[in-house]
PDB file of all heavy atoms in Angstrom:
ATOM      1  N   PHE A   1     -17.606 110.472 -33.187  1.00  0.00           N
ATOM      2  CA  PHE A   1     -17.565 111.760 -32.491  1.00  0.00           C
ATOM      3  C   PHE A   1     -18.135 112.895 -33.333  1.00  0.00           C
ATOM      4  O   PHE A   1     -18.968 113.680 -32.863  1.00  0.00           O
ATOM      5  CB  PHE A   1     -16.120 112.085 -32.093  1.00  0.00           C
ATOM      6  CG  PHE A   1     -15.954 113.429 -31.445  1.00  0.00           C
ATOM      7  CD1 PHE A   1     -16.304 113.627 -30.120  1.00  0.00           C
ATOM      8  CD2 PHE A   1     -15.445 114.509 -32.171  1.00  0.00           C
ATOM      9  CE1 PHE A   1     -16.149 114.873 -29.515  1.00  0.00           C
ATOM     10  CE2 PHE A   1     -15.294 115.757 -31.575  1.00  0.00           C
ATOM     11  CZ  PHE A   1     -15.653 115.944 -30.245  1.00  0.00           C
ATOM     12  N   TYR A   2     -17.704 113.000 -34.564  1.00  0.00           N
ATOM     13  CA  TYR A   2     -18.172 114.103 -35.414  1.00  0.00           C
ATOM     14  C   TYR A   2     -19.579 113.843 -35.943  1.00  0.00           C
ATOM     15  O   TYR A   2     -20.398 114.764 -36.030  1.00  0.00           O
ATOM     16  CB  TYR A   2     -17.188 114.328 -36.558  1.00  0.00           C
ATOM     17  CG  TYR A   2     -15.833 114.791 -36.076  1.00  0.00           C
ATOM     18  CD1 TYR A   2     -14.772 113.892 -35.969  1.00  0.00           C
ATOM     19  CD2 TYR A   2     -15.619 116.105 -35.686  1.00  0.00           C
ATOM     20  CE1 TYR A   2     -13.523 114.304 -35.499  1.00  0.00           C
ATOM     21  CE2 TYR A   2     -14.386 116.534 -35.212  1.00  0.00           C
ATOM     22  CZ  TYR A   2     -13.343 115.627 -35.122  1.00  0.00           C
ATOM     23  OH  TYR A   2     -12.116 116.032 -34.650  1.00  0.00           O
ATOM     24  N   TRP A   3     -19.849 112.586 -36.288  1.00  0.00           N
ATOM     25  CA  TRP A   3     -21.171 112.256 -36.830  1.00  0.00           C
ATOM     26  C   TRP A   3     -22.271 112.475 -35.810  1.00  0.00           C
ATOM     27  O   TRP A   3     -23.441 112.696 -36.189  1.00  0.00           O
ATOM     28  CB  TRP A   3     -21.189 110.809 -37.324  1.00  0.00           C
ATOM     29  CG  TRP A   3     -20.193 110.545 -38.399  1.00  0.00           C
ATOM     30  CD1 TRP A   3     -19.083 109.762 -38.324  1.00  0.00           C
ATOM     31  CD2 TRP A   3     -20.195 111.098 -39.732  1.00  0.00           C
ATOM     32  NE1 TRP A   3     -18.391 109.785 -39.514  1.00  0.00           N
ATOM     33  CE2 TRP A   3     -19.050 110.591 -40.394  1.00  0.00           C
ATOM     34  CE3 TRP A   3     -21.044 111.958 -40.419  1.00  0.00           C
ATOM     35  CZ2 TRP A   3     -18.741 110.922 -41.704  1.00  0.00           C
ATOM     36  CZ3 TRP A   3     -20.743 112.295 -41.732  1.00  0.00           C
ATOM     37  CH2 TRP A   3     -19.599 111.778 -42.363  1.00  0.00           C
ATOM     38  N   ASN A   4     -21.949 112.432 -34.533  1.00  0.00           N
ATOM     39  CA  ASN A   4     -22.956 112.618 -33.490  1.00  0.00           C
ATOM     40  C   ASN A   4     -23.182 114.086 -33.149  1.00  0.00           C
ATOM     41  O   ASN A   4     -23.920 114.391 -32.209  1.00  0.00           O
ATOM     42  CB  ASN A   4     -22.542 111.864 -32.218  1.00  0.00           C
ATOM     43  CG  ASN A   4     -22.697 110.364 -32.372  1.00  0.00           C
ATOM     44  OD1 ASN A   4     -23.476 109.889 -33.201  1.00  0.00           O
ATOM     45  ND2 ASN A   4     -21.956 109.600 -31.578  1.00  0.00           N
ATOM     46  N   GLN A   5     -22.555 114.991 -33.895  1.00  0.00           N
ATOM     47  CA  GLN A   5     -22.711 116.419 -33.650  1.00  0.00           C
ATOM     48  C   GLN A   5     -23.266 117.122 -34.882  1.00  0.00           C
ATOM     49  O   GLN A   5     -23.105 116.651 -36.005  1.00  0.00           O
ATOM     50  CB  GLN A   5     -21.364 117.042 -33.276  1.00  0.00           C
ATOM     51  CG  GLN A   5     -20.724 116.415 -32.056  1.00  0.00           C
ATOM     52  CD  GLN A   5     -19.544 117.210 -31.572  1.00  0.00           C
ATOM     53  OE1 GLN A   5     -19.656 118.385 -31.233  1.00  0.00           O
ATOM     54  NE2 GLN A   5     -18.380 116.573 -31.518  1.00  0.00           N
ATOM     55  N   ASP A   6     -23.872 118.252 -34.635  1.00  0.00           N
ATOM     56  CA  ASP A   6     -24.327 119.099 -35.740  1.00  0.00           C
ATOM     57  C   ASP A   6     -23.122 119.897 -36.232  1.00  0.00           C
ATOM     58  O   ASP A   6     -22.510 120.634 -35.456  1.00  0.00           O
ATOM     59  CB  ASP A   6     -25.420 120.057 -35.271  1.00  0.00           C
ATOM     60  CG  ASP A   6     -25.786 121.062 -36.344  1.00  0.00           C
ATOM     61  OD1 ASP A   6     -26.330 120.651 -37.381  1.00  0.00           O
ATOM     62  OD2 ASP A   6     -25.483 122.260 -36.141  1.00  0.00           O
ATOM     63  N   PRO A   7     -22.734 119.755 -37.503  1.00  0.00           N
ATOM     64  CA  PRO A   7     -21.515 120.416 -37.972  1.00  0.00           C
ATOM     65  C   PRO A   7     -21.550 121.936 -37.863  1.00  0.00           C
ATOM     66  O   PRO A   7     -20.543 122.557 -37.515  1.00  0.00           O
ATOM     67  CB  PRO A   7     -21.396 119.957 -39.429  1.00  0.00           C
ATOM     68  CG  PRO A   7     -22.749 119.461 -39.805  1.00  0.00           C
ATOM     69  CD  PRO A   7     -23.356 118.933 -38.553  1.00  0.00           C
ATOM     70  N   ALA A   8     -22.694 122.542 -38.136  1.00  0.00           N
ATOM     71  CA  ALA A   8     -22.786 124.008 -38.057  1.00  0.00           C
ATOM     72  C   ALA A   8     -22.539 124.481 -36.627  1.00  0.00           C
ATOM     73  O   ALA A   8     -21.809 125.462 -36.400  1.00  0.00           O
ATOM     74  CB  ALA A   8     -24.156 124.475 -38.549  1.00  0.00           C
ATOM     75  N   THR A   9     -23.120 123.776 -35.671  1.00  0.00           N
ATOM     76  CA  THR A   9     -22.930 124.147 -34.272  1.00  0.00           C
ATOM     77  C   THR A   9     -21.487 123.916 -33.831  1.00  0.00           C
ATOM     78  O   THR A   9     -20.894 124.754 -33.135  1.00  0.00           O
ATOM     79  CB  THR A   9     -23.871 123.323 -33.374  1.00  0.00           C
ATOM     80  OG1 THR A   9     -25.229 123.573 -33.767  1.00  0.00           O
ATOM     81  CG2 THR A   9     -23.686 123.687 -31.911  1.00  0.00           C
ATOM     82  N   TYR A  10     -20.920 122.797 -34.266  1.00  0.00           N
ATOM     83  CA  TYR A  10     -19.536 122.481 -33.879  1.00  0.00           C
ATOM     84  C   TYR A  10     -18.577 123.561 -34.344  1.00  0.00           C
ATOM     85  O   TYR A  10     -17.770 124.077 -33.557  1.00  0.00           O
ATOM     86  CB  TYR A  10     -19.129 121.125 -34.454  1.00  0.00           C
ATOM     87  CG  TYR A  10     -17.700 120.741 -34.124  1.00  0.00           C
ATOM     88  CD1 TYR A  10     -17.381 120.197 -32.884  1.00  0.00           C
ATOM     89  CD2 TYR A  10     -16.668 120.930 -35.047  1.00  0.00           C
ATOM     90  CE1 TYR A  10     -16.070 119.852 -32.563  1.00  0.00           C
ATOM     91  CE2 TYR A  10     -15.364 120.585 -34.737  1.00  0.00           C
ATOM     92  CZ  TYR A  10     -15.066 120.047 -33.494  1.00  0.00           C
ATOM     93  OH  TYR A  10     -13.768 119.718 -33.178  1.00  0.00           O
ATOM     94  N   PHE A  11     -18.647 123.919 -35.615  1.00  0.00           N
ATOM     95  CA  PHE A  11     -17.711 124.916 -36.139  1.00  0.00           C
ATOM     96  C   PHE A  11     -17.962 126.308 -35.574  1.00  0.00           C
ATOM     97  O   PHE A  11     -17.030 127.097 -35.421  1.00  0.00           O
ATOM     98  CB  PHE A  11     -17.772 124.944 -37.665  1.00  0.00           C
ATOM     99  CG  PHE A  11     -17.132 123.742 -38.315  1.00  0.00           C
ATOM    100  CD1 PHE A  11     -17.851 122.928 -39.170  1.00  0.00           C
ATOM    101  CD2 PHE A  11     -15.809 123.423 -38.059  1.00  0.00           C
ATOM    102  CE1 PHE A  11     -17.266 121.816 -39.771  1.00  0.00           C
ATOM    103  CE2 PHE A  11     -15.208 122.318 -38.646  1.00  0.00           C
ATOM    104  CZ  PHE A  11     -15.940 121.515 -39.500  1.00  0.00           C
ATOM    105  N   ALA A  12     -19.219 126.614 -35.235  1.00  0.00           N
ATOM    106  CA  ALA A  12     -19.547 127.938 -34.704  1.00  0.00           C
ATOM    107  C   ALA A  12     -19.101 128.101 -33.257  1.00  0.00           C
ATOM    108  O   ALA A  12     -18.849 129.223 -32.808  1.00  0.00           O
ATOM    109  CB  ALA A  12     -21.051 128.190 -34.819  1.00  0.00           C
ATOM    110  N   THR A  13     -19.016 127.004 -32.530  1.00  0.00           N
ATOM    111  CA  THR A  13     -18.748 127.101 -31.093  1.00  0.00           C
ATOM    112  C   THR A  13     -17.388 126.536 -30.678  1.00  0.00           C
ATOM    113  O   THR A  13     -17.048 126.569 -29.484  1.00  0.00           O
ATOM    114  CB  THR A  13     -19.842 126.348 -30.297  1.00  0.00           C
ATOM    115  OG1 THR A  13     -19.847 124.960 -30.678  1.00  0.00           O
ATOM    116  CG2 THR A  13     -21.209 126.956 -30.563  1.00  0.00           C
ATOM    117  N   THR A  14     -16.604 126.039 -31.633  1.00  0.00           N
ATOM    118  CA  THR A  14     -15.338 125.390 -31.303  1.00  0.00           C
ATOM    119  C   THR A  14     -14.170 126.121 -31.947  1.00  0.00           C
ATOM    120  O   THR A  14     -14.146 126.296 -33.170  1.00  0.00           O
ATOM    121  CB  THR A  14     -15.341 123.915 -31.775  1.00  0.00           C
ATOM    122  OG1 THR A  14     -16.539 123.278 -31.337  1.00  0.00           O
ATOM    123  CG2 THR A  14     -14.138 123.168 -31.225  1.00  0.00           C
ATOM    124  N   SER A  15     -13.234 126.555 -31.151  1.00  0.00           N
ATOM    125  CA  SER A  15     -12.070 127.270 -31.674  1.00  0.00           C
ATOM    126  C   SER A  15     -11.181 126.338 -32.474  1.00  0.00           C
ATOM    127  O   SER A  15     -11.265 125.103 -32.358  1.00  0.00           O
ATOM    128  CB  SER A  15     -11.258 127.864 -30.520  1.00  0.00           C
ATOM    129  OG  SER A  15     -10.653 126.819 -29.758  1.00  0.00           O
ATOM    130  N   TYR A  16     -10.295 126.927 -33.274  1.00  0.00           N
ATOM    131  CA  TYR A  16      -9.342 126.127 -34.042  1.00  0.00           C
ATOM    132  C   TYR A  16      -8.490 125.244 -33.127  1.00  0.00           C
ATOM    133  O   TYR A  16      -8.229 124.084 -33.427  1.00  0.00           O
ATOM    134  CB  TYR A  16      -8.438 127.041 -34.873  1.00  0.00           C
ATOM    135  CG  TYR A  16      -8.913 127.268 -36.295  1.00  0.00           C
ATOM    136  CD1 TYR A  16     -10.173 126.850 -36.711  1.00  0.00           C
ATOM    137  CD2 TYR A  16      -8.091 127.897 -37.229  1.00  0.00           C
ATOM    138  CE1 TYR A  16     -10.604 127.060 -38.005  1.00  0.00           C
ATOM    139  CE2 TYR A  16      -8.514 128.108 -38.534  1.00  0.00           C
ATOM    140  CZ  TYR A  16      -9.769 127.693 -38.922  1.00  0.00           C
ATOM    141  OH  TYR A  16     -10.182 127.893 -40.208  1.00  0.00           O
ATOM    142  N   GLU A  17      -8.069 125.808 -31.996  1.00  0.00           N
ATOM    143  CA  GLU A  17      -7.227 125.038 -31.090  1.00  0.00           C
ATOM    144  C   GLU A  17      -7.982 123.845 -30.513  1.00  0.00           C
ATOM    145  O   GLU A  17      -7.419 122.755 -30.377  1.00  0.00           O
ATOM    146  CB  GLU A  17      -6.697 125.932 -29.961  1.00  0.00           C
ATOM    147  CG  GLU A  17      -5.620 126.905 -30.408  1.00  0.00           C
ATOM    148  CD  GLU A  17      -4.458 126.192 -31.101  1.00  0.00           C
ATOM    149  OE1 GLU A  17      -3.947 125.203 -30.536  1.00  0.00           O
ATOM    150  OE2 GLU A  17      -4.075 126.621 -32.196  1.00  0.00           O
ATOM    151  N   GLN A  18      -9.251 124.052 -30.180  1.00  0.00           N
ATOM    152  CA  GLN A  18     -10.036 122.936 -29.649  1.00  0.00           C
ATOM    153  C   GLN A  18     -10.327 121.914 -30.747  1.00  0.00           C
ATOM    154  O   GLN A  18     -10.354 120.704 -30.487  1.00  0.00           O
ATOM    155  CB  GLN A  18     -11.346 123.435 -29.041  1.00  0.00           C
ATOM    156  CG  GLN A  18     -12.165 122.323 -28.379  1.00  0.00           C
ATOM    157  CD  GLN A  18     -11.403 121.595 -27.290  1.00  0.00           C
ATOM    158  OE1 GLN A  18     -10.880 122.226 -26.370  1.00  0.00           O
ATOM    159  NE2 GLN A  18     -11.327 120.267 -27.377  1.00  0.00           N
ATOM    160  N   GLN A  19     -10.533 122.391 -31.970  1.00  0.00           N
ATOM    161  CA  GLN A  19     -10.743 121.466 -33.090  1.00  0.00           C
ATOM    162  C   GLN A  19      -9.523 120.570 -33.282  1.00  0.00           C
ATOM    163  O   GLN A  19      -9.658 119.363 -33.505  1.00  0.00           O
ATOM    164  CB  GLN A  19     -11.035 122.256 -34.364  1.00  0.00           C
ATOM    165  CG  GLN A  19     -12.399 122.923 -34.382  1.00  0.00           C
ATOM    166  CD  GLN A  19     -12.590 123.828 -35.590  1.00  0.00           C
ATOM    167  OE1 GLN A  19     -12.053 123.578 -36.660  1.00  0.00           O
ATOM    168  NE2 GLN A  19     -13.364 124.897 -35.417  1.00  0.00           N
ATOM    169  N   TRP A  20      -8.354 121.158 -33.191  1.00  0.00           N
ATOM    170  CA  TRP A  20      -7.134 120.348 -33.314  1.00  0.00           C
ATOM    171  C   TRP A  20      -7.006 119.401 -32.134  1.00  0.00           C
ATOM    172  O   TRP A  20      -6.622 118.239 -32.296  1.00  0.00           O
ATOM    173  CB  TRP A  20      -5.901 121.233 -33.421  1.00  0.00           C
ATOM    174  CG  TRP A  20      -4.635 120.429 -33.460  1.00  0.00           C
ATOM    175  CD1 TRP A  20      -3.694 120.314 -32.469  1.00  0.00           C
ATOM    176  CD2 TRP A  20      -4.180 119.581 -34.519  1.00  0.00           C
ATOM    177  NE1 TRP A  20      -2.694 119.466 -32.848  1.00  0.00           N
ATOM    178  CE2 TRP A  20      -2.960 118.997 -34.110  1.00  0.00           C
ATOM    179  CE3 TRP A  20      -4.684 119.271 -35.784  1.00  0.00           C
ATOM    180  CZ2 TRP A  20      -2.239 118.117 -34.910  1.00  0.00           C
ATOM    181  CZ3 TRP A  20      -3.969 118.389 -36.590  1.00  0.00           C
ATOM    182  CH2 TRP A  20      -2.758 117.819 -36.159  1.00  0.00           C
ATOM    183  N   GLU A  21      -7.323 119.862 -30.940  1.00  0.00           N
ATOM    184  CA  GLU A  21      -7.256 119.007 -29.760  1.00  0.00           C
ATOM    185  C   GLU A  21      -8.206 117.820 -29.893  1.00  0.00           C
ATOM    186  O   GLU A  21      -7.875 116.699 -29.490  1.00  0.00           O
ATOM    187  CB  GLU A  21      -7.600 119.813 -28.504  1.00  0.00           C
ATOM    188  CG  GLU A  21      -7.440 119.048 -27.198  1.00  0.00           C
ATOM    189  CD  GLU A  21      -6.026 118.572 -26.944  1.00  0.00           C
ATOM    190  OE1 GLU A  21      -5.074 119.211 -27.427  1.00  0.00           O
ATOM    191  OE2 GLU A  21      -5.870 117.542 -26.250  1.00  0.00           O
ATOM    192  N   ASP A  22      -9.376 118.046 -30.491  1.00  0.00           N
ATOM    193  CA  ASP A  22     -10.308 116.940 -30.726  1.00  0.00           C
ATOM    194  C   ASP A  22      -9.698 115.926 -31.691  1.00  0.00           C
ATOM    195  O   ASP A  22      -9.851 114.709 -31.513  1.00  0.00           O
ATOM    196  CB  ASP A  22     -11.626 117.471 -31.309  1.00  0.00           C
ATOM    197  CG  ASP A  22     -12.466 118.218 -30.288  1.00  0.00           C
ATOM    198  OD1 ASP A  22     -12.247 118.029 -29.074  1.00  0.00           O
ATOM    199  OD2 ASP A  22     -13.345 119.002 -30.707  1.00  0.00           O
ATOM    200  N   HIS A  23      -9.009 116.431 -32.696  1.00  0.00           N
ATOM    201  CA  HIS A  23      -8.362 115.524 -33.654  1.00  0.00           C
ATOM    202  C   HIS A  23      -7.241 114.732 -32.975  1.00  0.00           C
ATOM    203  O   HIS A  23      -7.073 113.531 -33.242  1.00  0.00           O
ATOM    204  CB  HIS A  23      -7.804 116.320 -34.835  1.00  0.00           C
ATOM    205  CG  HIS A  23      -7.220 115.461 -35.914  1.00  0.00           C
ATOM    206  ND1 HIS A  23      -7.976 114.587 -36.660  1.00  0.00           N
ATOM    207  CD2 HIS A  23      -5.943 115.319 -36.356  1.00  0.00           C
ATOM    208  CE1 HIS A  23      -7.204 113.946 -37.526  1.00  0.00           C
ATOM    209  NE2 HIS A  23      -5.969 114.371 -37.349  1.00  0.00           N
ATOM    210  N   VAL A  24      -6.505 115.377 -32.100  1.00  0.00           N
ATOM    211  CA  VAL A  24      -5.437 114.697 -31.363  1.00  0.00           C
ATOM    212  C   VAL A  24      -6.030 113.607 -30.475  1.00  0.00           C
ATOM    213  O   VAL A  24      -5.525 112.474 -30.437  1.00  0.00           O
ATOM    214  CB  VAL A  24      -4.631 115.697 -30.516  1.00  0.00           C
ATOM    215  CG1 VAL A  24      -3.677 114.964 -29.574  1.00  0.00           C
ATOM    216  CG2 VAL A  24      -3.841 116.640 -31.422  1.00  0.00           C
ATOM    217  N   LYS A  25      -7.099 113.935 -29.745  1.00  0.00           N
ATOM    218  CA  LYS A  25      -7.722 112.950 -28.856  1.00  0.00           C
ATOM    219  C   LYS A  25      -8.247 111.759 -29.650  1.00  0.00           C
ATOM    220  O   LYS A  25      -8.110 110.605 -29.216  1.00  0.00           O
ATOM    221  CB  LYS A  25      -8.855 113.607 -28.075  1.00  0.00           C
ATOM    222  CG  LYS A  25      -8.387 114.583 -27.007  1.00  0.00           C
ATOM    223  CD  LYS A  25      -9.569 115.224 -26.289  1.00  0.00           C
ATOM    224  CE  LYS A  25      -9.117 116.202 -25.218  1.00  0.00           C
ATOM    225  NZ  LYS A  25     -10.271 116.864 -24.553  1.00  0.00           N
ATOM    226  N   GLN A  26      -8.862 112.033 -30.792  1.00  0.00           N
ATOM    227  CA  GLN A  26      -9.359 110.942 -31.635  1.00  0.00           C
ATOM    228  C   GLN A  26      -8.201 110.060 -32.103  1.00  0.00           C
ATOM    229  O   GLN A  26      -8.257 108.826 -32.035  1.00  0.00           O
ATOM    230  CB  GLN A  26     -10.104 111.500 -32.847  1.00  0.00           C
ATOM    231  CG  GLN A  26     -10.684 110.421 -33.745  1.00  0.00           C
ATOM    232  CD  GLN A  26     -11.191 110.963 -35.068  1.00  0.00           C
ATOM    233  OE1 GLN A  26     -10.417 111.529 -35.856  1.00  0.00           O
ATOM    234  NE2 GLN A  26     -12.477 110.824 -35.330  1.00  0.00           N
ATOM    235  N   SER A  27      -7.133 110.697 -32.561  1.00  0.00           N
ATOM    236  CA  SER A  27      -5.976 109.959 -33.067  1.00  0.00           C
ATOM    237  C   SER A  27      -5.325 109.119 -31.980  1.00  0.00           C
ATOM    238  O   SER A  27      -4.918 107.975 -32.220  1.00  0.00           O
ATOM    239  CB  SER A  27      -4.952 110.937 -33.665  1.00  0.00           C
ATOM    240  OG  SER A  27      -5.529 111.674 -34.726  1.00  0.00           O
ATOM    241  N   GLU A  28      -5.221 109.670 -30.778  1.00  0.00           N
ATOM    242  CA  GLU A  28      -4.622 108.924 -29.668  1.00  0.00           C
ATOM    243  C   GLU A  28      -5.496 107.741 -29.254  1.00  0.00           C
ATOM    244  O   GLU A  28      -4.985 106.669 -28.903  1.00  0.00           O
ATOM    245  CB  GLU A  28      -4.373 109.862 -28.494  1.00  0.00           C
ATOM    246  CG  GLU A  28      -3.264 110.868 -28.772  1.00  0.00           C
ATOM    247  CD  GLU A  28      -3.035 111.869 -27.665  1.00  0.00           C
ATOM    248  OE1 GLU A  28      -3.926 111.996 -26.795  1.00  0.00           O
ATOM    249  OE2 GLU A  28      -1.977 112.520 -27.653  1.00  0.00           O
ATOM    250  N   ALA A  29      -6.806 107.920 -29.307  1.00  0.00           N
ATOM    251  CA  ALA A  29      -7.711 106.814 -28.996  1.00  0.00           C
ATOM    252  C   ALA A  29      -7.598 105.701 -30.024  1.00  0.00           C
ATOM    253  O   ALA A  29      -7.708 104.515 -29.700  1.00  0.00           O
ATOM    254  CB  ALA A  29      -9.153 107.323 -28.929  1.00  0.00           C
ATOM    255  N   PHE A  30      -7.349 106.079 -31.273  1.00  0.00           N
ATOM    256  CA  PHE A  30      -7.241 105.098 -32.356  1.00  0.00           C
ATOM    257  C   PHE A  30      -5.879 104.407 -32.404  1.00  0.00           C
ATOM    258  O   PHE A  30      -5.752 103.344 -33.013  1.00  0.00           O
ATOM    259  CB  PHE A  30      -7.444 105.791 -33.703  1.00  0.00           C
ATOM    260  CG  PHE A  30      -8.863 106.206 -33.997  1.00  0.00           C
ATOM    261  CD1 PHE A  30      -9.134 106.959 -35.136  1.00  0.00           C
ATOM    262  CD2 PHE A  30      -9.913 105.851 -33.171  1.00  0.00           C
ATOM    263  CE1 PHE A  30     -10.437 107.347 -35.438  1.00  0.00           C
ATOM    264  CE2 PHE A  30     -11.224 106.246 -33.451  1.00  0.00           C
ATOM    265  CZ  PHE A  30     -11.476 106.997 -34.598  1.00  0.00           C
ATOM    266  N   TRP A  31      -4.855 104.992 -31.778  1.00  0.00           N
ATOM    267  CA  TRP A  31      -3.494 104.578 -32.067  1.00  0.00           C
ATOM    268  C   TRP A  31      -3.188 103.126 -31.714  1.00  0.00           C
ATOM    269  O   TRP A  31      -2.611 102.393 -32.533  1.00  0.00           O
ATOM    270  CB  TRP A  31      -2.488 105.502 -31.390  1.00  0.00           C
ATOM    271  CG  TRP A  31      -1.067 105.088 -31.638  1.00  0.00           C
ATOM    272  CD1 TRP A  31      -0.118 104.772 -30.707  1.00  0.00           C
ATOM    273  CD2 TRP A  31      -0.436 104.916 -32.917  1.00  0.00           C
ATOM    274  NE1 TRP A  31       1.061 104.426 -31.314  1.00  0.00           N
ATOM    275  CE2 TRP A  31       0.897 104.505 -32.676  1.00  0.00           C
ATOM    276  CE3 TRP A  31      -0.862 105.068 -34.232  1.00  0.00           C
ATOM    277  CZ2 TRP A  31       1.798 104.239 -33.704  1.00  0.00           C
ATOM    278  CZ3 TRP A  31       0.039 104.804 -35.268  1.00  0.00           C
ATOM    279  CH2 TRP A  31       1.348 104.393 -34.998  1.00  0.00           C
TER     280      TRP A  31
END
């Protein structure tokens, strides 16, 4: 998920809350 994105664009356009939500979704998919 992260490797397929440009990091500068991701951090510039994604709020902290959405960043955490992405981490939650990744973790739930892995669980």
